[in-house]
Amino acid sequence: MKKVLITGAAGFLGSHLCDRFHREGFHVIGMDNLITGDMRNIEHLLPLPEFEFYHHDVSRYVHIPGSLDYILHFASPASPIDYLKIPIQTLKVGSLGTHNLLGLAKAKEARILVASTSEVYGDPLVHPQTEDYWGNVNPIGPRGVYDEAKRFQEAITMAYHRFHGVETRIVRIFNTYGPRMRLNDGRALPAFIGQALRGEDLTVFGDGSQTRSFCYVDDQVDGIFRLLMSDETQPINIGNPEEITILQFAEEIIKLTNSHQKIVRKPLPADDPKQRKPDITRASTLLGWSPKVGREVGLAKTYAYFKSLPEHELYRQASDFKDFIHA
């Protein structure tokens, strides 16, 4: 049985990756310091003999006994709210954490995939974004702690690949959604659905003309799995190229939830990207991957998940977002 370590295992994407690798017949080791993760995302895996969990911060030395075949590094805060609350930890997990895991991969002769992000492109001057675009990033802005952590992560990963011969893979993840997202993470989809379910007006930053491209989590996980098992060492975009403005998206959520809230506007945060759309030519050509789940189907599944949450969860998770939009 092949053995895989997944960091950030109790997070949104990490937990879905744990499920996928378990279904594929792997022995899965999950690791998370739970600073943003939630054990409820993986509680169904805990009784299984093929699953282990380590409560650990990868910014500290990482030790795993025995052999290890694969590592997926998904430990990182991934929302604007988290950047503001824990900026130092965000930088450390992208730098020290990545260094520790690359060292582990070298020692175990394991293949490692690191989770980068479309944020390495910053507020892009090229549209759609191709992997050979170097980006337009403000290194000292409030988003810089995340953007530059991920850019450093890519640099040190390629250095370990070139200098030490470590088998490395880099995925650049574009906006992904689905069950297990946090309602309070500051991103448009969970924020809009949470506000609609609570009967609040939907908050759009700026004039709403900025665009995003939303990929359903099952498609994202499939792209990541294919990349890990491929021979591709250069970064690859995984995301849905179907682009929509934030204002249009808010209107879709109002229709989906059959709510009658108004759309209210707040100032656009500093360095917020105006456009976001992946060029997935490399993923399609090299991995045979393209998204299969349409936004209508994916949103319906995601809404059903959020609607199933206890009412107190809707309000408990709302407090951080209210602080964020009034900051």
C-alpha atoms as a PDB file:
ATOM      1  CA  MET A   1       0.000   0.000   0.000  1.00  0.00           C
ATOM      2  CA  LYS A   2       1.483   3.355  -1.077  1.00  0.00           C
ATOM      3  CA  LYS A   3       1.782   5.934   1.690  1.00  0.00           C
ATOM      4  CA  VAL A   4       0.965   9.656   1.256  1.00  0.00           C
ATOM      5  CA  LEU A   5       1.363  12.586   3.653  1.00  0.00           C
ATOM      6  CA  ILE A   6      -1.175  15.393   3.183  1.00  0.00           C
ATOM      7  CA  THR A   7      -0.556  18.599   5.118  1.00  0.00           C
ATOM      8  CA  GLY A   8      -3.465  20.933   5.784  1.00  0.00           C
ATOM      9  CA  ALA A   9      -5.517  17.732   5.960  1.00  0.00           C
ATOM     10  CA  ALA A  10      -8.350  19.202   8.045  1.00  0.00           C
ATOM     11  CA  GLY A  11      -8.860  22.110   5.671  1.00  0.00           C
ATOM     12  CA  PHE A  12     -11.262  22.421   2.766  1.00  0.00           C
ATOM     13  CA  LEU A  13      -9.099  21.080  -0.065  1.00  0.00           C
ATOM     14  CA  GLY A  14      -6.890  18.950   2.170  1.00  0.00           C
ATOM     15  CA  SER A  15      -9.819  16.956   3.523  1.00  0.00           C
ATOM     16  CA  HIS A  16     -11.157  16.255   0.020  1.00  0.00           C
ATOM     17  CA  LEU A  17      -7.680  15.109  -1.011  1.00  0.00           C
ATOM     18  CA  CYS A  18      -7.604  12.740   1.971  1.00  0.00           C
ATOM     19  CA  ASP A  19     -10.892  11.252   0.746  1.00  0.00           C
ATOM     20  CA  ARG A  20      -9.627  10.863  -2.818  1.00  0.00           C
ATOM     21  CA  PHE A  21      -6.377   9.175  -1.859  1.00  0.00           C
ATOM     22  CA  HIS A  22      -8.173   6.838   0.539  1.00  0.00           C
ATOM     23  CA  ARG A  23     -10.538   5.844  -2.268  1.00  0.00           C
ATOM     24  CA  GLU A  24      -7.519   5.233  -4.508  1.00  0.00           C
ATOM     25  CA  GLY A  25      -6.162   2.697  -1.998  1.00  0.00           C
ATOM     26  CA  PHE A  26      -3.431   4.754  -0.317  1.00  0.00           C
ATOM     27  CA  HIS A  27      -2.440   4.770   3.328  1.00  0.00           C
ATOM     28  CA  VAL A  28      -3.112   8.416   4.174  1.00  0.00           C
ATOM     29  CA  ILE A  29      -1.284  10.416   6.845  1.00  0.00           C
ATOM     30  CA  GLY A  30      -3.033  13.709   7.547  1.00  0.00           C
ATOM     31  CA  MET A  31      -1.219  16.575   9.262  1.00  0.00           C
ATOM     32  CA  ASP A  32      -2.690  19.894  10.442  1.00  0.00           C
ATOM     33  CA  ASN A  33      -2.080  22.389  13.247  1.00  0.00           C
ATOM     34  CA  LEU A  34      -5.811  23.298  13.112  1.00  0.00           C
ATOM     35  CA  ILE A  35      -5.149  27.047  13.008  1.00  0.00           C
ATOM     36  CA  THR A  36      -7.728  27.273  10.202  1.00  0.00           C
ATOM     37  CA  GLY A  37      -8.608  23.592   9.701  1.00  0.00           C
ATOM     38  CA  ASP A  38     -11.528  21.773  11.309  1.00  0.00           C
ATOM     39  CA  MET A  39     -11.388  18.185  12.571  1.00  0.00           C
ATOM     40  CA  ARG A  40     -15.015  17.712  11.569  1.00  0.00           C
ATOM     41  CA  ASN A  41     -13.826  17.659   7.935  1.00  0.00           C
ATOM     42  CA  ILE A  42     -11.935  14.402   8.511  1.00  0.00           C
ATOM     43  CA  GLU A  43     -13.742  12.823  11.473  1.00  0.00           C
ATOM     44  CA  HIS A  44     -15.213  10.172   9.152  1.00  0.00           C
ATOM     45  CA  LEU A  45     -11.656   9.021   8.356  1.00  0.00           C
ATOM     46  CA  LEU A  46     -10.337   8.767  11.920  1.00  0.00           C
ATOM     47  CA  PRO A  47     -11.622   5.211  12.666  1.00  0.00           C
ATOM     48  CA  LEU A  48     -10.030   3.802   9.500  1.00  0.00           C
ATOM     49  CA  PRO A  49      -6.810   1.778   9.855  1.00  0.00           C
ATOM     50  CA  GLU A  50      -5.566   3.278   6.566  1.00  0.00           C
ATOM     51  CA  PHE A  51      -5.675   6.813   7.996  1.00  0.00           C
ATOM     52  CA  GLU A  52      -3.442   8.498  10.585  1.00  0.00           C
ATOM     53  CA  PHE A  53      -3.609  12.045  11.896  1.00  0.00           C
ATOM     54  CA  TYR A  54      -0.773  14.162  13.282  1.00  0.00           C
ATOM     55  CA  HIS A  55      -1.623  17.422  15.067  1.00  0.00           C
ATOM     56  CA  HIS A  56       1.504  19.322  14.082  1.00  0.00           C
ATOM     57  CA  ASP A  57       2.747  22.637  12.674  1.00  0.00           C
ATOM     58  CA  VAL A  58       4.860  21.999   9.571  1.00  0.00           C
ATOM     59  CA  SER A  59       6.769  25.242  10.217  1.00  0.00           C
ATOM     60  CA  ARG A  60       8.564  23.159  12.840  1.00  0.00           C
ATOM     61  CA  TYR A  61      10.664  20.078  12.051  1.00  0.00           C
ATOM     62  CA  VAL A  62       8.554  17.325  10.450  1.00  0.00           C
ATOM     63  CA  HIS A  63       9.221  13.651  11.195  1.00  0.00           C
ATOM     64  CA  ILE A  64       7.290  10.711   9.776  1.00  0.00           C
ATOM     65  CA  PRO A  65       8.449   7.201  10.747  1.00  0.00           C
ATOM     66  CA  GLY A  66       8.915   4.597   8.062  1.00  0.00           C
ATOM     67  CA  SER A  67       8.674   4.900   4.312  1.00  0.00           C
ATOM     68  CA  LEU A  68       6.800   7.596   2.436  1.00  0.00           C
ATOM     69  CA  ASP A  69       5.909   7.663  -1.268  1.00  0.00           C
ATOM     70  CA  TYR A  70       4.179  11.006  -1.763  1.00  0.00           C
ATOM     71  CA  ILE A  71       3.761  14.356  -0.003  1.00  0.00           C
ATOM     72  CA  LEU A  72       1.082  16.942  -0.772  1.00  0.00           C
ATOM     73  CA  HIS A  73       1.778  20.283   0.906  1.00  0.00           C
ATOM     74  CA  PHE A  74      -1.555  22.049   1.405  1.00  0.00           C
ATOM     75  CA  ALA A  75      -0.905  23.576   4.824  1.00  0.00           C
ATOM     76  CA  SER A  76      -1.533  27.307   4.477  1.00  0.00           C
ATOM     77  CA  PRO A  77      -4.156  29.878   5.345  1.00  0.00           C
ATOM     78  CA  ALA A  78      -5.979  30.595   2.095  1.00  0.00           C
ATOM     79  CA  SER A  79      -8.315  33.521   2.615  1.00  0.00           C
ATOM     80  CA  PRO A  80      -7.999  37.310   2.941  1.00  0.00           C
ATOM     81  CA  ILE A  81      -9.402  37.213   6.479  1.00  0.00           C
ATOM     82  CA  ASP A  82      -6.633  34.835   7.535  1.00  0.00           C
ATOM     83  CA  TYR A  83      -3.903  36.980   5.965  1.00  0.00           C
ATOM     84  CA  LEU A  84      -4.988  39.888   8.174  1.00  0.00           C
ATOM     85  CA  LYS A  85      -5.284  37.791  11.347  1.00  0.00           C
ATOM     86  CA  ILE A  86      -2.191  35.586  11.031  1.00  0.00           C
ATOM     87  CA  PRO A  87       0.231  37.163   8.532  1.00  0.00           C
ATOM     88  CA  ILE A  88       3.408  35.827  10.164  1.00  0.00           C
ATOM     89  CA  GLN A  89       2.116  32.259  10.284  1.00  0.00           C
ATOM     90  CA  THR A  90       1.108  32.589   6.622  1.00  0.00           C
ATOM     91  CA  LEU A  91       4.666  33.535   5.672  1.00  0.00           C
ATOM     92  CA  LYS A  92       6.203  30.829   7.856  1.00  0.00           C
ATOM     93  CA  VAL A  93       4.158  27.934   6.509  1.00  0.00           C
ATOM     94  CA  GLY A  94       4.999  28.950   2.939  1.00  0.00           C
ATOM     95  CA  SER A  95       8.721  29.298   3.653  1.00  0.00           C
ATOM     96  CA  LEU A  96       9.824  27.260   6.682  1.00  0.00           C
ATOM     97  CA  GLY A  97       7.038  24.714   6.221  1.00  0.00           C
ATOM     98  CA  THR A  98       7.859  24.164   2.567  1.00  0.00           C
ATOM     99  CA  HIS A  99      11.571  23.887   3.379  1.00  0.00           C
ATOM    100  CA  ASN A 100      10.865  21.243   6.032  1.00  0.00           C
ATOM    101  CA  LEU A 101       8.677  19.180   3.721  1.00  0.00           C
ATOM    102  CA  LEU A 102      11.101  19.361   0.817  1.00  0.00           C
ATOM    103  CA  GLY A 103      13.773  18.112   3.220  1.00  0.00           C
ATOM    104  CA  LEU A 104      11.481  15.268   4.228  1.00  0.00           C
ATOM    105  CA  ALA A 105      10.821  14.422   0.572  1.00  0.00           C
ATOM    106  CA  LYS A 106      14.579  14.324  -0.074  1.00  0.00           C
ATOM    107  CA  ALA A 107      15.219  12.097   2.954  1.00  0.00           C
ATOM    108  CA  LYS A 108      12.372   9.698   2.096  1.00  0.00           C
ATOM    109  CA  GLU A 109      12.949   9.827  -1.683  1.00  0.00           C
ATOM    110  CA  ALA A 110       9.285  10.791  -1.961  1.00  0.00           C
ATOM    111  CA  ARG A 111       7.575  12.779  -4.699  1.00  0.00           C
ATOM    112  CA  ILE A 112       6.179  16.092  -3.407  1.00  0.00           C
ATOM    113  CA  LEU A 113       3.429  18.297  -4.809  1.00  0.00           C
ATOM    114  CA  VAL A 114       3.140  21.813  -3.411  1.00  0.00           C
ATOM    115  CA  ALA A 115      -0.068  23.835  -3.574  1.00  0.00           C
ATOM    116  CA  SER A 116       0.624  27.191  -5.138  1.00  0.00           C
ATOM    117  CA  THR A 117      -2.088  29.602  -6.203  1.00  0.00           C
ATOM    118  CA  SER A 118      -3.310  31.981  -8.873  1.00  0.00           C
ATOM    119  CA  GLU A 119      -2.301  34.716  -6.418  1.00  0.00           C
ATOM    120  CA  VAL A 120       1.282  34.383  -7.699  1.00  0.00           C
ATOM    121  CA  TYR A 121      -0.009  36.326 -10.716  1.00  0.00           C
ATOM    122  CA  GLY A 122      -1.130  39.183  -8.433  1.00  0.00           C
ATOM    123  CA  ASP A 123      -3.359  41.755 -10.141  1.00  0.00           C
ATOM    124  CA  PRO A 124      -2.547  40.403 -13.602  1.00  0.00           C
ATOM    125  CA  LEU A 125      -1.671  42.432 -16.669  1.00  0.00           C
ATOM    126  CA  VAL A 126      -2.062  39.324 -18.849  1.00  0.00           C
ATOM    127  CA  HIS A 127      -5.458  37.711 -19.405  1.00  0.00           C
ATOM    128  CA  PRO A 128      -6.125  34.812 -19.210  1.00  0.00           C
ATOM    129  CA  GLN A 129      -3.183  33.864 -17.035  1.00  0.00           C
ATOM    130  CA  THR A 130      -0.679  31.402 -18.520  1.00  0.00           C
ATOM    131  CA  GLU A 131       1.972  29.594 -16.514  1.00  0.00           C
ATOM    132  CA  ASP A 132       4.785  31.552 -18.189  1.00  0.00           C
ATOM    133  CA  TYR A 133       3.403  34.892 -16.921  1.00  0.00           C
ATOM    134  CA  TRP A 134       5.557  36.198 -14.034  1.00  0.00           C
ATOM    135  CA  GLY A 135       2.840  38.234 -12.361  1.00  0.00           C
ATOM    136  CA  ASN A 136       2.153  41.718 -11.027  1.00  0.00           C
ATOM    137  CA  VAL A 137       2.469  41.473  -7.237  1.00  0.00           C
ATOM    138  CA  ASN A 138       2.820  44.118  -4.539  1.00  0.00           C
ATOM    139  CA  PRO A 139       5.290  42.473  -2.107  1.00  0.00           C
ATOM    140  CA  ILE A 140       4.559  44.886   0.776  1.00  0.00           C
ATOM    141  CA  GLY A 141       0.758  45.133   0.457  1.00  0.00           C
ATOM    142  CA  PRO A 142      -1.624  43.329   2.824  1.00  0.00           C
ATOM    143  CA  ARG A 143      -1.959  40.425   0.361  1.00  0.00           C
ATOM    144  CA  GLY A 144       1.816  40.208  -0.029  1.00  0.00           C
ATOM    145  CA  VAL A 145       2.217  37.862   2.934  1.00  0.00           C
ATOM    146  CA  TYR A 146       0.288  35.201   1.005  1.00  0.00           C
ATOM    147  CA  ASP A 147       1.386  36.073  -2.540  1.00  0.00           C
ATOM    148  CA  GLU A 148       5.089  36.192  -1.717  1.00  0.00           C
ATOM    149  CA  ALA A 149       4.936  33.110   0.519  1.00  0.00           C
ATOM    150  CA  LYS A 150       3.604  31.165  -2.460  1.00  0.00           C
ATOM    151  CA  ARG A 151       6.128  32.670  -4.880  1.00  0.00           C
ATOM    152  CA  PHE A 152       8.964  31.721  -2.503  1.00  0.00           C
ATOM    153  CA  GLN A 153       7.395  28.277  -2.170  1.00  0.00           C
ATOM    154  CA  GLU A 154       7.616  27.774  -5.925  1.00  0.00           C
ATOM    155  CA  ALA A 155      11.226  29.041  -6.014  1.00  0.00           C
ATOM    156  CA  ILE A 156      12.511  26.743  -3.276  1.00  0.00           C
ATOM    157  CA  THR A 157      10.595  23.795  -4.745  1.00  0.00           C
ATOM    158  CA  MET A 158      12.307  24.255  -8.113  1.00  0.00           C
ATOM    159  CA  ALA A 159      15.656  24.702  -6.335  1.00  0.00           C
ATOM    160  CA  TYR A 160      15.237  21.341  -4.578  1.00  0.00           C
ATOM    161  CA  HIS A 161      14.261  19.785  -7.894  1.00  0.00           C
ATOM    162  CA  ARG A 162      17.249  21.200  -9.790  1.00  0.00           C
ATOM    163  CA  PHE A 163      19.920  20.976  -7.064  1.00  0.00           C
ATOM    164  CA  HIS A 164      18.887  17.860  -5.116  1.00  0.00           C
ATOM    165  CA  GLY A 165      16.965  15.991  -7.824  1.00  0.00           C
ATOM    166  CA  VAL A 166      13.794  15.805  -5.700  1.00  0.00           C
ATOM    167  CA  GLU A 167      10.703  14.783  -7.663  1.00  0.00           C
ATOM    168  CA  THR A 168       8.534  17.897  -7.397  1.00  0.00           C
ATOM    169  CA  ARG A 169       5.190  19.058  -8.772  1.00  0.00           C
ATOM    170  CA  ILE A 170       3.611  22.537  -8.502  1.00  0.00           C
ATOM    171  CA  VAL A 171      -0.113  23.191  -8.898  1.00  0.00           C
ATOM    172  CA  ARG A 172      -1.410  26.749  -9.267  1.00  0.00           C
ATOM    173  CA  ILE A 173      -4.916  26.588  -7.843  1.00  0.00           C
ATOM    174  CA  PHE A 174      -7.597  29.002  -9.033  1.00  0.00           C
ATOM    175  CA  ASN A 175     -10.790  29.773  -7.083  1.00  0.00           C
ATOM    176  CA  THR A 176     -12.245  26.485  -5.873  1.00  0.00           C
ATOM    177  CA  TYR A 177     -15.528  25.878  -4.069  1.00  0.00           C
ATOM    178  CA  GLY A 178     -17.671  23.113  -2.636  1.00  0.00           C
ATOM    179  CA  PRO A 179     -18.739  21.468   0.623  1.00  0.00           C
ATOM    180  CA  ARG A 180     -16.553  22.052   3.715  1.00  0.00           C
ATOM    181  CA  MET A 181     -15.662  25.626   2.834  1.00  0.00           C
ATOM    182  CA  ARG A 182     -15.745  28.007   5.786  1.00  0.00           C
ATOM    183  CA  LEU A 183     -18.531  30.563   5.694  1.00  0.00           C
ATOM    184  CA  ASN A 184     -16.254  33.149   7.301  1.00  0.00           C
ATOM    185  CA  ASP A 185     -13.226  32.963   5.024  1.00  0.00           C
ATOM    186  CA  GLY A 186     -13.878  36.215   3.174  1.00  0.00           C
ATOM    187  CA  ARG A 187     -14.148  34.770  -0.331  1.00  0.00           C
ATOM    188  CA  ALA A 188     -17.134  35.591  -2.481  1.00  0.00           C
ATOM    189  CA  LEU A 189     -18.957  32.272  -2.701  1.00  0.00           C
ATOM    190  CA  PRO A 190     -19.241  31.249   0.974  1.00  0.00           C
ATOM    191  CA  ALA A 191     -19.671  34.885   1.984  1.00  0.00           C
ATOM    192  CA  PHE A 192     -22.618  35.394  -0.391  1.00  0.00           C
ATOM    193  CA  ILE A 193     -24.311  32.109   0.544  1.00  0.00           C
ATOM    194  CA  GLY A 194     -23.839  32.763   4.261  1.00  0.00           C
ATOM    195  CA  GLN A 195     -25.302  36.260   3.973  1.00  0.00           C
ATOM    196  CA  ALA A 196     -28.253  34.968   1.962  1.00  0.00           C
ATOM    197  CA  LEU A 197     -28.997  32.216   4.488  1.00  0.00           C
ATOM    198  CA  ARG A 198     -28.872  34.722   7.348  1.00  0.00           C
ATOM    199  CA  GLY A 199     -31.149  37.146   5.499  1.00  0.00           C
ATOM    200  CA  GLU A 200     -28.412  39.783   5.181  1.00  0.00           C
ATOM    201  CA  ASP A 201     -27.639  41.975   2.191  1.00  0.00           C
ATOM    202  CA  LEU A 202     -24.843  40.664  -0.028  1.00  0.00           C
ATOM    203  CA  THR A 203     -21.564  42.597   0.159  1.00  0.00           C
ATOM    204  CA  VAL A 204     -19.799  43.324  -3.137  1.00  0.00           C
ATOM    205  CA  PHE A 205     -16.415  45.027  -3.021  1.00  0.00           C
ATOM    206  CA  GLY A 206     -15.842  47.807  -5.540  1.00  0.00           C
ATOM    207  CA  ASP A 207     -18.254  48.047  -8.468  1.00  0.00           C
ATOM    208  CA  GLY A 208     -18.391  44.260  -8.882  1.00  0.00           C
ATOM    209  CA  SER A 209     -16.815  44.306 -12.340  1.00  0.00           C
ATOM    210  CA  GLN A 210     -13.801  42.269 -11.167  1.00  0.00           C
ATOM    211  CA  THR A 211     -13.937  38.705 -12.444  1.00  0.00           C
ATOM    212  CA  ARG A 212     -13.317  35.268 -10.978  1.00  0.00           C
ATOM    213  CA  SER A 213     -13.413  31.711 -12.346  1.00  0.00           C
ATOM    214  CA  PHE A 214     -14.878  29.084 -10.019  1.00  0.00           C
ATOM    215  CA  CYS A 215     -13.842  25.412 -10.086  1.00  0.00           C
ATOM    216  CA  TYR A 216     -15.809  22.737  -8.216  1.00  0.00           C
ATOM    217  CA  VAL A 217     -13.747  20.856  -5.644  1.00  0.00           C
ATOM    218  CA  ASP A 218     -14.108  17.408  -7.262  1.00  0.00           C
ATOM    219  CA  ASP A 219     -12.629  18.757 -10.503  1.00  0.00           C
ATOM    220  CA  GLN A 220      -9.810  20.490  -8.628  1.00  0.00           C
ATOM    221  CA  VAL A 221      -8.908  17.316  -6.711  1.00  0.00           C
ATOM    222  CA  ASP A 222      -8.897  15.289  -9.924  1.00  0.00           C
ATOM    223  CA  GLY A 223      -6.535  17.766 -11.568  1.00  0.00           C
ATOM    224  CA  ILE A 224      -4.201  17.672  -8.560  1.00  0.00           C
ATOM    225  CA  PHE A 225      -4.188  13.863  -8.534  1.00  0.00           C
ATOM    226  CA  ARG A 226      -3.383  13.724 -12.250  1.00  0.00           C
ATOM    227  CA  LEU A 227      -0.549  16.230 -11.841  1.00  0.00           C
ATOM    228  CA  LEU A 228       0.997  14.277  -8.955  1.00  0.00           C
ATOM    229  CA  MET A 229       0.988  11.096 -11.021  1.00  0.00           C
ATOM    230  CA  SER A 230       2.363  12.815 -14.127  1.00  0.00           C
ATOM    231  CA  ASP A 231       5.948  13.604 -15.137  1.00  0.00           C
ATOM    232  CA  GLU A 232       5.359  17.384 -15.257  1.00  0.00           C
ATOM    233  CA  THR A 233       7.741  19.404 -13.080  1.00  0.00           C
ATOM    234  CA  GLN A 234       6.753  22.895 -14.265  1.00  0.00           C
ATOM    235  CA  PRO A 235       3.819  24.732 -12.592  1.00  0.00           C
ATOM    236  CA  ILE A 236       0.382  23.916 -14.005  1.00  0.00           C
ATOM    237  CA  ASN A 237      -2.839  25.916 -13.647  1.00  0.00           C
ATOM    238  CA  ILE A 238      -5.827  23.944 -12.376  1.00  0.00           C
ATOM    239  CA  GLY A 239      -9.066  25.904 -12.475  1.00  0.00           C
ATOM    240  CA  ASN A 240     -12.248  26.496 -14.425  1.00  0.00           C
ATOM    241  CA  PRO A 241     -11.778  29.023 -17.263  1.00  0.00           C
ATOM    242  CA  GLU A 242     -15.471  30.036 -17.239  1.00  0.00           C
ATOM    243  CA  GLU A 243     -15.240  33.669 -16.118  1.00  0.00           C
ATOM    244  CA  ILE A 244     -17.931  35.697 -14.334  1.00  0.00           C
ATOM    245  CA  THR A 245     -18.044  39.119 -12.691  1.00  0.00           C
ATOM    246  CA  ILE A 246     -18.527  39.291  -8.940  1.00  0.00           C
ATOM    247  CA  LEU A 247     -21.723  41.305  -9.446  1.00  0.00           C
ATOM    248  CA  GLN A 248     -23.149  38.641 -11.764  1.00  0.00           C
ATOM    249  CA  PHE A 249     -22.122  36.008  -9.260  1.00  0.00           C
ATOM    250  CA  ALA A 250     -23.938  37.794  -6.426  1.00  0.00           C
ATOM    251  CA  GLU A 251     -27.061  37.869  -8.586  1.00  0.00           C
ATOM    252  CA  GLU A 252     -26.698  34.123  -9.241  1.00  0.00           C
ATOM    253  CA  ILE A 253     -26.536  33.447  -5.499  1.00  0.00           C
ATOM    254  CA  ILE A 254     -29.656  35.520  -4.854  1.00  0.00           C
ATOM    255  CA  LYS A 255     -31.465  33.466  -7.504  1.00  0.00           C
ATOM    256  CA  LEU A 256     -30.059  30.164  -6.190  1.00  0.00           C
ATOM    257  CA  THR A 257     -31.090  30.854  -2.602  1.00  0.00           C
ATOM    258  CA  ASN A 258     -34.443  32.362  -3.606  1.00  0.00           C
ATOM    259  CA  SER A 259     -33.684  35.283  -1.321  1.00  0.00           C
ATOM    260  CA  HIS A 260     -34.595  38.928  -1.788  1.00  0.00           C
ATOM    261  CA  GLN A 261     -31.566  40.653  -0.328  1.00  0.00           C
ATOM    262  CA  LYS A 262     -30.072  43.774  -1.779  1.00  0.00           C
ATOM    263  CA  ILE A 263     -26.501  44.065  -3.005  1.00  0.00           C
ATOM    264  CA  VAL A 264     -24.472  46.595  -1.022  1.00  0.00           C
ATOM    265  CA  ARG A 265     -21.020  47.864  -1.983  1.00  0.00           C
ATOM    266  CA  LYS A 266     -17.875  48.324   0.087  1.00  0.00           C
ATOM    267  CA  PRO A 267     -14.502  49.767  -0.998  1.00  0.00           C
ATOM    268  CA  LEU A 268     -12.285  47.424  -2.971  1.00  0.00           C
ATOM    269  CA  PRO A 269      -9.470  46.008  -0.765  1.00  0.00           C
ATOM    270  CA  ALA A 270      -5.891  46.934  -1.625  1.00  0.00           C
ATOM    271  CA  ASP A 271      -4.369  44.957  -4.527  1.00  0.00           C
ATOM    272  CA  ASP A 272      -7.569  42.978  -5.113  1.00  0.00           C
ATOM    273  CA  PRO A 273      -7.176  41.312  -8.554  1.00  0.00           C
ATOM    274  CA  LYS A 274      -9.391  42.838 -11.253  1.00  0.00           C
ATOM    275  CA  GLN A 275      -9.367  39.710 -13.416  1.00  0.00           C
ATOM    276  CA  ARG A 276      -8.834  36.050 -12.732  1.00  0.00           C
ATOM    277  CA  LYS A 277      -9.089  33.375 -15.416  1.00  0.00           C
ATOM    278  CA  PRO A 278      -6.775  30.403 -15.918  1.00  0.00           C
ATOM    279  CA  ASP A 279      -5.370  29.318 -19.234  1.00  0.00           C
ATOM    280  CA  ILE A 280      -5.631  25.530 -18.847  1.00  0.00           C
ATOM    281  CA  THR A 281      -3.979  24.552 -22.127  1.00  0.00           C
ATOM    282  CA  ARG A 282      -1.113  22.802 -20.329  1.00  0.00           C
ATOM    283  CA  ALA A 283      -3.452  20.905 -17.985  1.00  0.00           C
ATOM    284  CA  SER A 284      -5.601  19.820 -20.909  1.00  0.00           C
ATOM    285  CA  THR A 285      -2.675  18.833 -23.148  1.00  0.00           C
ATOM    286  CA  LEU A 286      -0.316  17.285 -20.594  1.00  0.00           C
ATOM    287  CA  LEU A 287      -2.742  15.840 -18.037  1.00  0.00           C
ATOM    288  CA  GLY A 288      -5.846  15.230 -20.141  1.00  0.00           C
ATOM    289  CA  TRP A 289      -7.723  17.317 -17.584  1.00  0.00           C
ATOM    290  CA  SER A 290     -10.572  19.783 -17.890  1.00  0.00           C
ATOM    291  CA  PRO A 291     -13.377  20.672 -15.463  1.00  0.00           C
ATOM    292  CA  LYS A 292     -16.525  18.576 -15.757  1.00  0.00           C
ATOM    293  CA  VAL A 293     -18.886  20.066 -13.134  1.00  0.00           C
ATOM    294  CA  GLY A 294     -20.820  23.106 -14.353  1.00  0.00           C
ATOM    295  CA  ARG A 295     -21.355  26.037 -12.000  1.00  0.00           C
ATOM    296  CA  GLU A 296     -25.115  25.437 -11.744  1.00  0.00           C
ATOM    297  CA  VAL A 297     -24.595  21.862 -10.528  1.00  0.00           C
ATOM    298  CA  GLY A 298     -21.656  22.739  -8.279  1.00  0.00           C
ATOM    299  CA  LEU A 299     -23.455  25.661  -6.671  1.00  0.00           C
ATOM    300  CA  ALA A 300     -26.508  23.519  -5.962  1.00  0.00           C
ATOM    301  CA  LYS A 301     -24.349  20.943  -4.134  1.00  0.00           C
ATOM    302  CA  THR A 302     -22.504  23.645  -2.211  1.00  0.00           C
ATOM    303  CA  TYR A 303     -25.704  25.417  -1.220  1.00  0.00           C
ATOM    304  CA  ALA A 304     -27.199  22.135   0.002  1.00  0.00           C
ATOM    305  CA  TYR A 305     -24.147  21.654   2.228  1.00  0.00           C
ATOM    306  CA  PHE A 306     -24.335  25.138   3.753  1.00  0.00           C
ATOM    307  CA  LYS A 307     -28.087  24.862   4.192  1.00  0.00           C
ATOM    308  CA  SER A 308     -27.583  21.638   6.186  1.00  0.00           C
ATOM    309  CA  LEU A 309     -25.437  23.401   8.794  1.00  0.00           C
ATOM    310  CA  PRO A 310     -27.041  24.055  12.191  1.00  0.00           C
ATOM    311  CA  GLU A 311     -28.385  27.590  12.454  1.00  0.00           C
ATOM    312  CA  HIS A 312     -25.913  28.535  15.178  1.00  0.00           C
ATOM    313  CA  GLU A 313     -23.054  27.699  12.783  1.00  0.00           C
ATOM    314  CA  LEU A 314     -24.324  30.259  10.287  1.00  0.00           C
ATOM    315  CA  TYR A 315     -24.047  32.986  12.882  1.00  0.00           C
ATOM    316  CA  ARG A 316     -20.922  31.717  14.649  1.00  0.00           C
ATOM    317  CA  GLN A 317     -18.975  31.723  11.407  1.00  0.00           C
ATOM    318  CA  ALA A 318     -20.293  35.149  10.401  1.00  0.00           C
ATOM    319  CA  SER A 319     -18.490  37.245  13.022  1.00  0.00           C
ATOM    320  CA  ASP A 320     -15.040  37.294  11.401  1.00  0.00           C
ATOM    321  CA  PHE A 321     -16.479  38.231   8.019  1.00  0.00           C
ATOM    322  CA  LYS A 322     -18.466  41.120   9.517  1.00  0.00           C
ATOM    323  CA  ASP A 323     -15.284  42.412  11.109  1.00  0.00           C
ATOM    324  CA  PHE A 324     -13.503  42.045   7.765  1.00  0.00           C
ATOM    325  CA  ILE A 325     -16.016  43.995   5.673  1.00  0.00           C
ATOM    326  CA  HIS A 326     -16.190  46.805   8.217  1.00  0.00           C
ATOM    327  CA  ALA A 327     -12.407  47.103   8.603  1.00  0.00           C
END
